[in-house]
Every structure is written in C-alpha cells, then in structure tokens.
Amino acid sequence: SFAASVSGKQWYQRRVRVTTEKQNFVVFDMTTHPLMDQAQKQQVIRKIQETLLARWVNDPQRIEKRSLALVYLAHASEVLEQAFASLSDDEYDLAMKRVRELLDLDPDTEAAKEGADEVFWGVVASFFK
C-alpha cells in the first residue's frame, strides 16, 4: 500500500482521501491506508519521479525537504517499485541509483552541515538506523 507509514488521520488532514484495509503479510496482518483518489496517487508518484529525475540536484541540502521526505517515506513504505513502474529502463536505473545515494547518506553528517535542517535529518536517521 502506498501510504502504510502515514496514518489515515494525517492524510485526511491534508485532504487526501484514503481507506483503511487489512493486508495479510503472511506472518502478520497490518492495517494500511491506500490512496483512493487515483489523480492524487498519480500526483504523488509524479512528484517522486520528478524529484529523482527532472529536478534532481546533486546536493540533498538543496532538494526541497517535502520532496526529499516523500522519497524517504516511499522507500520506507516499500512502494518505490510501484512509483517507478511507468519509467523506462534507463530512467528506472537512474532513479534507483539516486535513491541509493540518498539512502547511503549519513544523516548525522548531513545534519552537521551549515544550513542543514537538523530535525529533518534526525527523522531520516530514525527511519533507517
């Protein structure tokens, strides 16, 4: 599901329509909140793709924090494959390379850089450490 890591209430507060479903993941059942509005879902997918392709800058400090957070959340929710399904092979490889670059960053090092958003990088560290 696309929004597994975000609560339904949080999506509702942002006026994004979701539903609640039970997903069976072999070992356990988990409540998920998939996006119901396909136009909004496509907008989120497009934002992720643009962040990693068309609007990529080679410095994570210069990437819009909301877009960067969306990439990290999509990865944590294990939905990047779905978001990249419409890409060509070359675009897919490039987007995945850039995701790997972002995941390989040390949040503590990024937080220590001048002008960095320490809270943002602290949240990133909590997801991946």
Protein backbone atom coordinates (compact mmCIF):
# COMPACT_ATOMS: atom_id res chain seq x y z
CA SER A 1 0.00 0.00 0.00
CA PHE A 2 1.24 3.44 -0.86
CA ALA A 3 0.60 5.11 2.48
CA ALA A 4 1.47 2.42 5.00
CA SER A 5 3.70 4.67 7.07
CA VAL A 6 1.27 7.59 7.34
CA SER A 7 -1.90 7.43 9.40
CA GLY A 8 -5.32 7.88 7.82
CA LYS A 9 -5.92 10.89 10.05
CA GLN A 10 -2.77 12.60 8.74
CA TRP A 11 -3.83 12.00 5.13
CA TYR A 12 -7.36 13.24 5.91
CA GLN A 13 -5.97 16.42 7.45
CA ARG A 14 -4.17 17.05 4.16
CA ARG A 15 -7.42 16.41 2.24
CA VAL A 16 -6.17 13.18 0.69
CA ARG A 17 -8.88 10.52 0.56
CA VAL A 18 -7.74 7.13 1.83
CA THR A 19 -9.43 3.99 3.03
CA THR A 20 -8.46 1.52 5.70
CA GLU A 21 -7.79 -2.08 4.72
CA LYS A 22 -6.36 -5.15 6.37
CA GLN A 23 -3.42 -6.58 4.44
CA ASN A 24 -2.19 -10.10 5.10
CA PHE A 25 1.61 -10.20 5.03
CA VAL A 26 1.94 -13.98 5.61
CA VAL A 27 3.33 -13.60 9.15
CA PHE A 28 1.08 -10.80 10.38
CA ASP A 29 -1.93 -8.67 9.46
CA MET A 30 -1.41 -4.94 9.12
CA THR A 31 -3.84 -2.05 8.70
CA THR A 32 -2.94 0.04 5.67
CA HIS A 33 -4.28 3.28 4.22
CA PRO A 34 -4.04 3.16 0.41
CA LEU A 35 -4.79 6.27 -1.61
CA MET A 36 -8.27 6.08 -3.11
CA ASP A 37 -8.16 9.09 -5.41
CA GLN A 38 -6.19 7.94 -8.46
CA ALA A 39 -5.45 11.53 -9.53
CA GLN A 40 -3.84 12.28 -6.18
CA LYS A 41 -1.96 8.99 -6.26
CA GLN A 42 -0.57 9.86 -9.71
CA GLN A 43 0.39 13.31 -8.43
CA VAL A 44 2.40 11.75 -5.58
CA ILE A 45 4.07 9.30 -7.97
CA ARG A 46 4.89 12.11 -10.40
CA LYS A 47 6.39 14.16 -7.54
CA ILE A 48 8.67 11.27 -6.55
CA GLN A 49 9.73 10.70 -10.16
CA GLU A 50 10.40 14.41 -10.77
CA THR A 51 12.42 14.72 -7.58
CA LEU A 52 14.72 11.90 -8.64
CA LEU A 53 14.87 12.66 -12.37
CA ALA A 54 13.85 16.03 -13.85
CA ARG A 55 14.52 18.18 -10.78
CA TRP A 56 17.48 16.27 -9.36
CA VAL A 57 20.28 18.30 -7.83
CA ASN A 58 23.37 16.52 -6.65
CA ASP A 59 23.15 18.06 -3.17
CA PRO A 60 20.48 16.76 -0.78
CA GLN A 61 20.63 20.05 1.12
CA ARG A 62 19.21 21.78 -1.98
CA ILE A 63 16.36 19.32 -2.60
CA GLU A 64 13.00 20.58 -1.38
CA LYS A 65 12.51 18.94 2.05
CA ARG A 66 8.94 17.81 1.35
CA SER A 67 10.03 16.09 -1.85
CA LEU A 68 13.01 14.51 -0.13
CA ALA A 69 10.80 13.32 2.71
CA LEU A 70 8.38 11.83 0.20
CA VAL A 71 11.19 9.79 -1.37
CA TYR A 72 12.35 8.53 2.02
CA LEU A 73 8.78 7.67 3.08
CA ALA A 74 8.07 5.88 -0.20
CA HIS A 75 11.19 3.81 0.32
CA ALA A 76 10.30 3.05 3.96
CA SER A 77 6.80 2.03 2.81
CA GLU A 78 8.31 -0.22 0.13
CA VAL A 79 6.35 1.36 -2.71
CA LEU A 80 9.14 2.75 -4.90
CA GLU A 81 8.80 -0.16 -7.33
CA GLN A 82 5.17 0.85 -7.85
CA ALA A 83 6.11 4.52 -8.24
CA PHE A 84 8.74 3.63 -10.85
CA ALA A 85 6.61 1.17 -12.84
CA SER A 86 5.93 3.65 -15.65
CA LEU A 87 9.59 4.62 -16.13
CA SER A 88 11.78 3.41 -18.98
CA ASP A 89 14.59 1.03 -18.04
CA ASP A 90 17.18 3.83 -18.17
CA GLU A 91 15.02 6.18 -16.07
CA TYR A 92 14.34 3.37 -13.58
CA ASP A 93 18.07 2.61 -13.22
CA LEU A 94 18.90 6.30 -12.75
CA ALA A 95 16.10 6.85 -10.20
CA MET A 96 17.17 3.78 -8.21
CA LYS A 97 20.81 4.91 -8.30
CA ARG A 98 19.77 8.26 -6.84
CA VAL A 99 17.59 6.61 -4.19
CA ARG A 100 20.61 4.50 -3.21
CA GLU A 101 22.73 7.68 -3.00
CA LEU A 102 20.17 9.23 -0.65
CA LEU A 103 19.95 6.08 1.47
CA ASP A 104 23.74 5.89 1.71
CA LEU A 105 23.97 9.39 3.19
CA ASP A 106 24.90 9.64 6.85
CA PRO A 107 22.09 11.67 8.48
CA ASP A 108 24.42 12.84 11.26
CA THR A 109 26.90 14.20 8.72
CA GLU A 110 24.10 15.88 6.74
CA ALA A 111 22.64 17.42 9.91
CA ALA A 112 26.04 18.89 10.81
CA LYS A 113 26.37 20.78 7.51
CA GLU A 114 25.84 24.52 7.52
CA GLY A 115 22.21 25.47 6.96
CA ALA A 116 21.01 21.87 7.36
CA ASP A 117 17.65 21.07 8.90
CA GLU A 118 18.74 19.02 11.92
CA VAL A 119 15.21 17.89 12.75
CA PHE A 120 14.67 16.58 9.21
CA TRP A 121 17.90 14.58 9.28
CA GLY A 122 17.05 13.32 12.77
CA VAL A 123 13.79 11.91 11.43
CA VAL A 124 15.64 10.32 8.49
CA ALA A 125 18.07 8.72 10.96
CA SER A 126 15.17 7.29 12.98
CA PHE A 127 13.78 5.57 9.88
CA PHE A 128 16.98 3.95 8.71
CA LYS A 129 19.21 3.28 11.71
